[in-house]
Amino acid sequence: MTDRGTPLVEMRDFSISFGGIKAVDHVTVDLHAGEVVGLLGHNGAGKSTLIKCLSGAYQADAGEVYINGQKVEINNPRDARAQNIETIYQTLALADNLDAASNLFLGRELVNSMGFVDESKMEAETRKIMHRLNPNFQKFNVPVSALSGGQRQSVAIARAVYFNAKILIMDEPTAALGPQETQMVAELIEELKKQGLGIFLIEHDIHNVMKLCDRASVMMNGKLVGTVNVDEVTDEDILGMIILGKPAAQAA
């Protein structure tokens, strides 16, 4: 890959231990604007732990975060949000009994001049952002429990984007989705890339990585095996990195 300038985010030399076990061991990864970087590895490889350090859920024992080349401190989720980092977990953290607009503004409701919740403005803003991300979305007035998996992902992504996410962490966004729903999420990710967001994608499915990601970083036993440009390797190369713990060139 040619030099693309300063990364949107860089995690340098991260380490964190639990009970004497190194969950992450001197790992460095970066992410550019308009790029998707897949994080792969077996359960326990350290990828989720690494990314929870970026989201503020965990505090690392060592390591530095740089946003647009500037060192920042991330000690909790509030710090992460202040750096425009948003996380979309598999559980999505949606209130099933509320509609899309109420979920999008949950805890950050818009109010009118009298201090009352402005439901019409919240719906108008939700329609605006959803039209940008998923023009086919129409179910604005039903509880999100009535939405499909892909539509629920749309709501969660819209919430992050509306509140100015620049760095998005997505935890297996297509898990348990059918082919049509998976395609919907893939289109959402493509749209986010066009808008200049950087996405860390925690993923188990190598086919999704080959389809959705620009680069892939593979971890094993807390260490970084390597980072590859997806268009320069095969899925067998990446599988070899995951299983053998060797960089792609050595995995054959």
C-alpha atoms as a PDB file:
ATOM      1  CA  MET A   1       0.000   0.000   0.000  1.00  0.00           C
ATOM      2  CA  THR A   2       1.287   3.473  -0.833  1.00  0.00           C
ATOM      3  CA  ASP A   3       1.780   5.962   1.960  1.00  0.00           C
ATOM      4  CA  ARG A   4      -1.622   7.415   2.799  1.00  0.00           C
ATOM      5  CA  GLY A   5      -0.380  10.010   5.247  1.00  0.00           C
ATOM      6  CA  THR A   6      -1.251  10.287   8.917  1.00  0.00           C
ATOM      7  CA  PRO A   7      -3.620   7.578  10.167  1.00  0.00           C
ATOM      8  CA  LEU A   8      -7.013   8.573  11.518  1.00  0.00           C
ATOM      9  CA  VAL A   9      -6.205   6.482  14.587  1.00  0.00           C
ATOM     10  CA  GLU A  10      -3.109   4.597  15.653  1.00  0.00           C
ATOM     11  CA  MET A  11      -2.792   2.278  18.635  1.00  0.00           C
ATOM     12  CA  ARG A  12       0.900   1.927  19.440  1.00  0.00           C
ATOM     13  CA  ASP A  13       2.496  -0.869  21.438  1.00  0.00           C
ATOM     14  CA  PHE A  14      -0.579  -1.876  23.457  1.00  0.00           C
ATOM     15  CA  SER A  15      -0.385  -4.404  26.276  1.00  0.00           C
ATOM     16  CA  ILE A  16      -2.894  -5.500  28.904  1.00  0.00           C
ATOM     17  CA  SER A  17      -2.857  -8.436  31.328  1.00  0.00           C
ATOM     18  CA  PHE A  18      -5.534 -10.135  33.380  1.00  0.00           C
ATOM     19  CA  GLY A  19      -4.400 -12.245  36.305  1.00  0.00           C
ATOM     20  CA  GLY A  20      -0.878 -12.505  34.960  1.00  0.00           C
ATOM     21  CA  ILE A  21      -2.047 -13.583  31.492  1.00  0.00           C
ATOM     22  CA  LYS A  22      -1.140 -11.169  28.676  1.00  0.00           C
ATOM     23  CA  ALA A  23      -4.364 -10.701  26.744  1.00  0.00           C
ATOM     24  CA  VAL A  24      -2.702  -8.157  24.447  1.00  0.00           C
ATOM     25  CA  ASP A  25       1.066  -8.185  24.048  1.00  0.00           C
ATOM     26  CA  HIS A  26       2.776  -5.159  22.401  1.00  0.00           C
ATOM     27  CA  VAL A  27       0.276  -4.748  19.554  1.00  0.00           C
ATOM     28  CA  THR A  28       0.279  -1.839  17.101  1.00  0.00           C
ATOM     29  CA  VAL A  29      -2.541  -1.268  14.603  1.00  0.00           C
ATOM     30  CA  ASP A  30      -3.753   1.763  12.676  1.00  0.00           C
ATOM     31  CA  LEU A  31      -6.715   2.900  10.619  1.00  0.00           C
ATOM     32  CA  HIS A  32      -7.140   5.545   7.922  1.00  0.00           C
ATOM     33  CA  ALA A  33     -10.181   7.624   7.023  1.00  0.00           C
ATOM     34  CA  GLY A  34     -12.433   5.842   4.545  1.00  0.00           C
ATOM     35  CA  GLU A  35     -10.904   2.464   5.386  1.00  0.00           C
ATOM     36  CA  VAL A  36     -12.146  -0.765   6.959  1.00  0.00           C
ATOM     37  CA  VAL A  37      -9.596  -2.794   8.921  1.00  0.00           C
ATOM     38  CA  GLY A  38     -10.682  -6.290   9.928  1.00  0.00           C
ATOM     39  CA  LEU A  39      -9.501  -7.701  13.248  1.00  0.00           C
ATOM     40  CA  LEU A  40      -9.342 -11.490  13.170  1.00  0.00           C
ATOM     41  CA  GLY A  41      -8.259 -14.370  15.331  1.00  0.00           C
ATOM     42  CA  HIS A  42      -9.580 -17.261  17.365  1.00  0.00           C
ATOM     43  CA  ASN A  43     -11.605 -16.627  20.504  1.00  0.00           C
ATOM     44  CA  GLY A  44      -9.118 -15.439  23.100  1.00  0.00           C
ATOM     45  CA  ALA A  45      -6.718 -14.047  20.473  1.00  0.00           C
ATOM     46  CA  GLY A  46      -7.008 -10.590  22.026  1.00  0.00           C
ATOM     47  CA  LYS A  47      -8.812  -8.666  19.288  1.00  0.00           C
ATOM     48  CA  SER A  48     -11.864  -7.724  21.373  1.00  0.00           C
ATOM     49  CA  THR A  49      -9.681  -6.808  24.348  1.00  0.00           C
ATOM     50  CA  LEU A  50      -7.517  -4.579  22.160  1.00  0.00           C
ATOM     51  CA  ILE A  51     -10.496  -2.753  20.755  1.00  0.00           C
ATOM     52  CA  LYS A  52     -12.065  -2.330  24.211  1.00  0.00           C
ATOM     53  CA  CYS A  53      -8.955  -0.343  25.125  1.00  0.00           C
ATOM     54  CA  LEU A  54      -9.767   2.020  22.238  1.00  0.00           C
ATOM     55  CA  SER A  55     -13.436   2.250  23.238  1.00  0.00           C
ATOM     56  CA  GLY A  56     -12.496   3.065  26.848  1.00  0.00           C
ATOM     57  CA  ALA A  57     -14.035  -0.099  28.292  1.00  0.00           C
ATOM     58  CA  TYR A  58     -10.591  -1.288  29.453  1.00  0.00           C
ATOM     59  CA  GLN A  59      -7.504   0.624  30.541  1.00  0.00           C
ATOM     60  CA  ALA A  60      -4.339  -0.815  29.036  1.00  0.00           C
ATOM     61  CA  ASP A  61      -1.192  -1.452  31.062  1.00  0.00           C
ATOM     62  CA  ALA A  62       0.868   0.148  28.288  1.00  0.00           C
ATOM     63  CA  GLY A  63       0.281   1.756  24.920  1.00  0.00           C
ATOM     64  CA  GLU A  64      -0.501   5.083  23.291  1.00  0.00           C
ATOM     65  CA  VAL A  65      -3.406   6.265  21.118  1.00  0.00           C
ATOM     66  CA  TYR A  66      -2.898   8.863  18.399  1.00  0.00           C
ATOM     67  CA  ILE A  67      -5.827  10.521  16.629  1.00  0.00           C
ATOM     68  CA  ASN A  68      -4.793  12.331  13.428  1.00  0.00           C
ATOM     69  CA  GLY A  69      -1.219  12.222  14.694  1.00  0.00           C
ATOM     70  CA  GLN A  70      -2.015  13.755  18.086  1.00  0.00           C
ATOM     71  CA  LYS A  71      -1.578  11.719  21.258  1.00  0.00           C
ATOM     72  CA  VAL A  72      -4.799  11.429  23.266  1.00  0.00           C
ATOM     73  CA  GLU A  73      -5.809   9.854  26.565  1.00  0.00           C
ATOM     74  CA  ILE A  74      -8.677   7.360  26.584  1.00  0.00           C
ATOM     75  CA  ASN A  75      -9.470   6.196  30.101  1.00  0.00           C
ATOM     76  CA  ASN A  76     -13.222   5.585  29.779  1.00  0.00           C
ATOM     77  CA  PRO A  77     -16.028   5.507  27.197  1.00  0.00           C
ATOM     78  CA  ARG A  78     -16.645   9.245  27.652  1.00  0.00           C
ATOM     79  CA  ASP A  79     -13.065   9.958  26.563  1.00  0.00           C
ATOM     80  CA  ALA A  80     -13.574   7.734  23.511  1.00  0.00           C
ATOM     81  CA  ARG A  81     -16.774   9.532  22.500  1.00  0.00           C
ATOM     82  CA  ALA A  82     -14.990  12.876  22.907  1.00  0.00           C
ATOM     83  CA  GLN A  83     -12.569  11.617  20.226  1.00  0.00           C
ATOM     84  CA  ASN A  84     -15.530  10.681  17.979  1.00  0.00           C
ATOM     85  CA  ILE A  85     -15.064   6.957  18.602  1.00  0.00           C
ATOM     86  CA  GLU A  86     -18.298   4.955  18.727  1.00  0.00           C
ATOM     87  CA  THR A  87     -18.750   1.233  19.281  1.00  0.00           C
ATOM     88  CA  ILE A  88     -21.545  -0.929  17.913  1.00  0.00           C
ATOM     89  CA  TYR A  89     -21.633  -4.189  19.834  1.00  0.00           C
ATOM     90  CA  GLN A  90     -23.419  -7.339  18.667  1.00  0.00           C
ATOM     91  CA  THR A  91     -26.161  -6.687  21.230  1.00  0.00           C
ATOM     92  CA  LEU A  92     -26.679  -3.224  19.613  1.00  0.00           C
ATOM     93  CA  ALA A  93     -27.892  -1.705  22.935  1.00  0.00           C
ATOM     94  CA  LEU A  94     -31.263  -0.730  21.493  1.00  0.00           C
ATOM     95  CA  ALA A  95     -34.427  -0.240  23.570  1.00  0.00           C
ATOM     96  CA  ASP A  96     -36.763  -2.764  21.932  1.00  0.00           C
ATOM     97  CA  ASN A  97     -39.965  -1.008  23.004  1.00  0.00           C
ATOM     98  CA  LEU A  98     -38.997   2.327  21.426  1.00  0.00           C
ATOM     99  CA  ASP A  99     -39.044   3.404  17.773  1.00  0.00           C
ATOM    100  CA  ALA A 100     -36.036   4.353  15.657  1.00  0.00           C
ATOM    101  CA  ALA A 101     -36.069   8.066  16.565  1.00  0.00           C
ATOM    102  CA  SER A 102     -36.380   7.412  20.301  1.00  0.00           C
ATOM    103  CA  ASN A 103     -33.454   4.986  20.083  1.00  0.00           C
ATOM    104  CA  LEU A 104     -31.327   7.334  18.032  1.00  0.00           C
ATOM    105  CA  PHE A 105     -31.707  10.114  20.613  1.00  0.00           C
ATOM    106  CA  LEU A 106     -31.898   7.910  23.713  1.00  0.00           C
ATOM    107  CA  GLY A 107     -30.300   9.867  26.558  1.00  0.00           C
ATOM    108  CA  ARG A 108     -29.657  12.811  24.204  1.00  0.00           C
ATOM    109  CA  GLU A 109     -33.252  13.802  23.407  1.00  0.00           C
ATOM    110  CA  LEU A 110     -33.983  17.003  21.492  1.00  0.00           C
ATOM    111  CA  VAL A 111     -36.205  19.476  23.365  1.00  0.00           C
ATOM    112  CA  ASN A 112     -38.260  22.451  22.246  1.00  0.00           C
ATOM    113  CA  SER A 113     -38.143  26.000  23.640  1.00  0.00           C
ATOM    114  CA  MET A 114     -40.392  24.960  26.528  1.00  0.00           C
ATOM    115  CA  GLY A 115     -38.119  22.106  27.545  1.00  0.00           C
ATOM    116  CA  PHE A 116     -40.369  19.305  26.308  1.00  0.00           C
ATOM    117  CA  VAL A 117     -39.075  16.425  24.201  1.00  0.00           C
ATOM    118  CA  ASP A 118     -39.506  17.402  20.549  1.00  0.00           C
ATOM    119  CA  GLU A 119     -40.617  14.112  19.027  1.00  0.00           C
ATOM    120  CA  SER A 120     -41.414  15.564  15.610  1.00  0.00           C
ATOM    121  CA  LYS A 121     -37.950  17.097  15.275  1.00  0.00           C
ATOM    122  CA  MET A 122     -36.328  13.846  16.416  1.00  0.00           C
ATOM    123  CA  GLU A 123     -38.289  11.912  13.790  1.00  0.00           C
ATOM    124  CA  ALA A 124     -37.380  14.446  11.088  1.00  0.00           C
ATOM    125  CA  GLU A 125     -33.674  14.201  11.994  1.00  0.00           C
ATOM    126  CA  THR A 126     -33.907  10.397  12.052  1.00  0.00           C
ATOM    127  CA  ARG A 127     -35.503  10.341   8.605  1.00  0.00           C
ATOM    128  CA  LYS A 128     -32.744  12.620   7.327  1.00  0.00           C
ATOM    129  CA  ILE A 129     -29.858  10.480   8.605  1.00  0.00           C
ATOM    130  CA  MET A 130     -31.552   7.211   7.630  1.00  0.00           C
ATOM    131  CA  HIS A 131     -32.150   8.498   4.118  1.00  0.00           C
ATOM    132  CA  ARG A 132     -28.431   9.182   3.897  1.00  0.00           C
ATOM    133  CA  LEU A 133     -27.443   5.729   5.135  1.00  0.00           C
ATOM    134  CA  ASN A 134     -30.267   3.409   4.144  1.00  0.00           C
ATOM    135  CA  PRO A 135     -32.801   5.033   1.765  1.00  0.00           C
ATOM    136  CA  ASN A 136     -34.985   1.905   1.818  1.00  0.00           C
ATOM    137  CA  PHE A 137     -35.653   2.175   5.556  1.00  0.00           C
ATOM    138  CA  GLN A 138     -39.330   3.044   6.123  1.00  0.00           C
ATOM    139  CA  LYS A 139     -40.293   1.641   9.530  1.00  0.00           C
ATOM    140  CA  PHE A 140     -40.028   4.817  11.582  1.00  0.00           C
ATOM    141  CA  ASN A 141     -43.118   4.388  13.727  1.00  0.00           C
ATOM    142  CA  VAL A 142     -42.779   0.847  15.050  1.00  0.00           C
ATOM    143  CA  PRO A 143     -40.757  -0.460  18.012  1.00  0.00           C
ATOM    144  CA  VAL A 144     -37.317  -1.609  16.936  1.00  0.00           C
ATOM    145  CA  SER A 145     -38.260  -5.083  18.204  1.00  0.00           C
ATOM    146  CA  ALA A 146     -40.341  -5.327  15.000  1.00  0.00           C
ATOM    147  CA  LEU A 147     -37.328  -4.602  12.772  1.00  0.00           C
ATOM    148  CA  SER A 148     -35.122  -7.132  11.019  1.00  0.00           C
ATOM    149  CA  GLY A 149     -31.521  -7.627  12.078  1.00  0.00           C
ATOM    150  CA  GLY A 150     -30.188  -5.498   9.241  1.00  0.00           C
ATOM    151  CA  GLN A 151     -32.656  -2.702   9.984  1.00  0.00           C
ATOM    152  CA  ARG A 152     -31.652  -2.747  13.662  1.00  0.00           C
ATOM    153  CA  GLN A 153     -28.021  -2.417  12.572  1.00  0.00           C
ATOM    154  CA  SER A 154     -29.089   0.587  10.484  1.00  0.00           C
ATOM    155  CA  VAL A 155     -30.553   2.291  13.556  1.00  0.00           C
ATOM    156  CA  ALA A 156     -27.456   1.604  15.674  1.00  0.00           C
ATOM    157  CA  ILE A 157     -25.136   2.862  12.915  1.00  0.00           C
ATOM    158  CA  ALA A 158     -27.313   5.952  12.314  1.00  0.00           C
ATOM    159  CA  ARG A 159     -27.089   6.826  16.019  1.00  0.00           C
ATOM    160  CA  ALA A 160     -23.289   6.693  15.909  1.00  0.00           C
ATOM    161  CA  VAL A 161     -23.040   8.702  12.690  1.00  0.00           C
ATOM    162  CA  TYR A 162     -25.553  11.338  13.794  1.00  0.00           C
ATOM    163  CA  PHE A 163     -23.416  12.073  16.832  1.00  0.00           C
ATOM    164  CA  ASN A 164     -20.342  12.628  14.677  1.00  0.00           C
ATOM    165  CA  ALA A 165     -18.548   9.304  14.859  1.00  0.00           C
ATOM    166  CA  LYS A 166     -15.327   9.411  12.850  1.00  0.00           C
ATOM    167  CA  ILE A 167     -13.990   6.076  14.101  1.00  0.00           C
ATOM    168  CA  LEU A 168     -16.464   3.200  14.264  1.00  0.00           C
ATOM    169  CA  ILE A 169     -15.858  -0.100  16.005  1.00  0.00           C
ATOM    170  CA  MET A 170     -18.194  -2.845  14.764  1.00  0.00           C
ATOM    171  CA  ASP A 171     -18.351  -6.195  16.535  1.00  0.00           C
ATOM    172  CA  GLU A 172     -19.381  -8.883  14.039  1.00  0.00           C
ATOM    173  CA  PRO A 173     -22.174  -6.793  12.514  1.00  0.00           C
ATOM    174  CA  THR A 174     -23.415  -9.574  10.222  1.00  0.00           C
ATOM    175  CA  ALA A 175     -23.459 -12.383  12.818  1.00  0.00           C
ATOM    176  CA  ALA A 176     -26.772 -14.279  12.715  1.00  0.00           C
ATOM    177  CA  LEU A 177     -27.968 -12.330   9.652  1.00  0.00           C
ATOM    178  CA  GLY A 178     -29.191 -13.933   6.432  1.00  0.00           C
ATOM    179  CA  PRO A 179     -27.654 -13.170   3.007  1.00  0.00           C
ATOM    180  CA  GLN A 180     -30.016 -10.301   2.206  1.00  0.00           C
ATOM    181  CA  GLU A 181     -29.499  -8.683   5.619  1.00  0.00           C
ATOM    182  CA  THR A 182     -25.746  -9.176   5.354  1.00  0.00           C
ATOM    183  CA  GLN A 183     -25.790  -7.380   2.001  1.00  0.00           C
ATOM    184  CA  MET A 184     -27.698  -4.496   3.599  1.00  0.00           C
ATOM    185  CA  VAL A 185     -25.002  -4.100   6.249  1.00  0.00           C
ATOM    186  CA  ALA A 186     -22.284  -4.352   3.573  1.00  0.00           C
ATOM    187  CA  GLU A 187     -23.924  -1.475   1.701  1.00  0.00           C
ATOM    188  CA  LEU A 188     -24.086   0.551   4.924  1.00  0.00           C
ATOM    189  CA  ILE A 189     -20.374  -0.005   5.495  1.00  0.00           C
ATOM    190  CA  GLU A 190     -19.593   1.077   1.922  1.00  0.00           C
ATOM    191  CA  GLU A 191     -21.612   4.261   2.470  1.00  0.00           C
ATOM    192  CA  LEU A 192     -19.755   5.001   5.712  1.00  0.00           C
ATOM    193  CA  LYS A 193     -16.430   4.571   3.905  1.00  0.00           C
ATOM    194  CA  LYS A 194     -17.519   7.080   1.244  1.00  0.00           C
ATOM    195  CA  GLN A 195     -18.308   9.542   4.023  1.00  0.00           C
ATOM    196  CA  GLY A 196     -14.755   9.214   5.331  1.00  0.00           C
ATOM    197  CA  LEU A 197     -15.307   7.171   8.460  1.00  0.00           C
ATOM    198  CA  GLY A 198     -12.696   4.664   9.545  1.00  0.00           C
ATOM    199  CA  ILE A 199     -14.017   1.297  10.711  1.00  0.00           C
ATOM    200  CA  PHE A 200     -12.453  -1.397  12.853  1.00  0.00           C
ATOM    201  CA  LEU A 201     -14.405  -4.570  12.068  1.00  0.00           C
ATOM    202  CA  ILE A 202     -14.129  -7.480  14.509  1.00  0.00           C
ATOM    203  CA  GLU A 203     -14.990 -10.477  12.371  1.00  0.00           C
ATOM    204  CA  HIS A 204     -14.803 -14.263  12.319  1.00  0.00           C
ATOM    205  CA  ASP A 205     -16.049 -14.860   8.778  1.00  0.00           C
ATOM    206  CA  ILE A 206     -13.098 -14.623   6.377  1.00  0.00           C
ATOM    207  CA  HIS A 207     -15.452 -14.229   3.396  1.00  0.00           C
ATOM    208  CA  ASN A 208     -16.877 -11.077   5.010  1.00  0.00           C
ATOM    209  CA  VAL A 209     -13.345  -9.805   5.610  1.00  0.00           C
ATOM    210  CA  MET A 210     -12.428 -10.350   1.944  1.00  0.00           C
ATOM    211  CA  LYS A 211     -15.607  -8.566   0.880  1.00  0.00           C
ATOM    212  CA  LEU A 212     -15.761  -5.679   3.360  1.00  0.00           C
ATOM    213  CA  CYS A 213     -12.202  -4.890   4.482  1.00  0.00           C
ATOM    214  CA  ASP A 214      -9.299  -3.012   2.940  1.00  0.00           C
ATOM    215  CA  ARG A 215      -6.767  -4.493   5.360  1.00  0.00           C
ATOM    216  CA  ALA A 216      -6.829  -7.319   7.877  1.00  0.00           C
ATOM    217  CA  SER A 217      -4.900  -7.531  11.151  1.00  0.00           C
ATOM    218  CA  VAL A 218      -4.637 -11.035  12.588  1.00  0.00           C
ATOM    219  CA  MET A 219      -3.976 -11.731  16.263  1.00  0.00           C
ATOM    220  CA  MET A 220      -3.014 -14.936  18.052  1.00  0.00           C
ATOM    221  CA  ASN A 221      -2.409 -15.437  21.785  1.00  0.00           C
ATOM    222  CA  GLY A 222      -2.415 -11.704  22.381  1.00  0.00           C
ATOM    223  CA  LYS A 223       0.197 -10.917  19.724  1.00  0.00           C
ATOM    224  CA  LEU A 224      -0.188  -9.374  16.289  1.00  0.00           C
ATOM    225  CA  VAL A 225       0.597 -11.989  13.632  1.00  0.00           C
ATOM    226  CA  GLY A 226       0.550  -9.378  10.885  1.00  0.00           C
ATOM    227  CA  THR A 227      -1.474  -6.900   8.867  1.00  0.00           C
ATOM    228  CA  VAL A 228      -2.140  -7.477   5.158  1.00  0.00           C
ATOM    229  CA  ASN A 229      -3.816  -5.663   2.296  1.00  0.00           C
ATOM    230  CA  VAL A 230      -6.858  -7.785   1.532  1.00  0.00           C
ATOM    231  CA  ASP A 231      -6.553  -7.346  -2.233  1.00  0.00           C
ATOM    232  CA  GLU A 232      -3.014  -8.786  -2.138  1.00  0.00           C
ATOM    233  CA  VAL A 233      -3.816 -12.063  -0.346  1.00  0.00           C
ATOM    234  CA  THR A 234      -6.254 -14.961  -0.593  1.00  0.00           C
ATOM    235  CA  ASP A 235      -8.663 -16.145   2.052  1.00  0.00           C
ATOM    236  CA  GLU A 236      -6.364 -19.178   2.440  1.00  0.00           C
ATOM    237  CA  ASP A 237      -3.487 -16.818   3.273  1.00  0.00           C
ATOM    238  CA  ILE A 238      -5.507 -15.176   6.034  1.00  0.00           C
ATOM    239  CA  LEU A 239      -6.724 -18.546   7.305  1.00  0.00           C
ATOM    240  CA  GLY A 240      -3.094 -19.649   7.514  1.00  0.00           C
ATOM    241  CA  MET A 241      -2.271 -16.584   9.589  1.00  0.00           C
ATOM    242  CA  ILE A 242      -5.120 -17.370  11.988  1.00  0.00           C
ATOM    243  CA  ILE A 243      -4.306 -21.077  12.344  1.00  0.00           C
ATOM    244  CA  LEU A 244      -0.497 -21.079  12.101  1.00  0.00           C
ATOM    245  CA  GLY A 245       0.230 -17.677  13.606  1.00  0.00           C
ATOM    246  CA  LYS A 246       2.639 -16.788  10.788  1.00  0.00           C
ATOM    247  CA  PRO A 247       2.586 -13.800   8.405  1.00  0.00           C
ATOM    248  CA  ALA A 248       0.960 -14.516   5.028  1.00  0.00           C
ATOM    249  CA  ALA A 249       4.252 -14.951   3.167  1.00  0.00           C
ATOM    250  CA  GLN A 250       5.297 -17.679   5.618  1.00  0.00           C
ATOM    251  CA  ALA A 251       1.909 -19.364   5.973  1.00  0.00           C
ATOM    252  CA  ALA A 252       2.144 -21.468   2.820  1.00  0.00           C
END
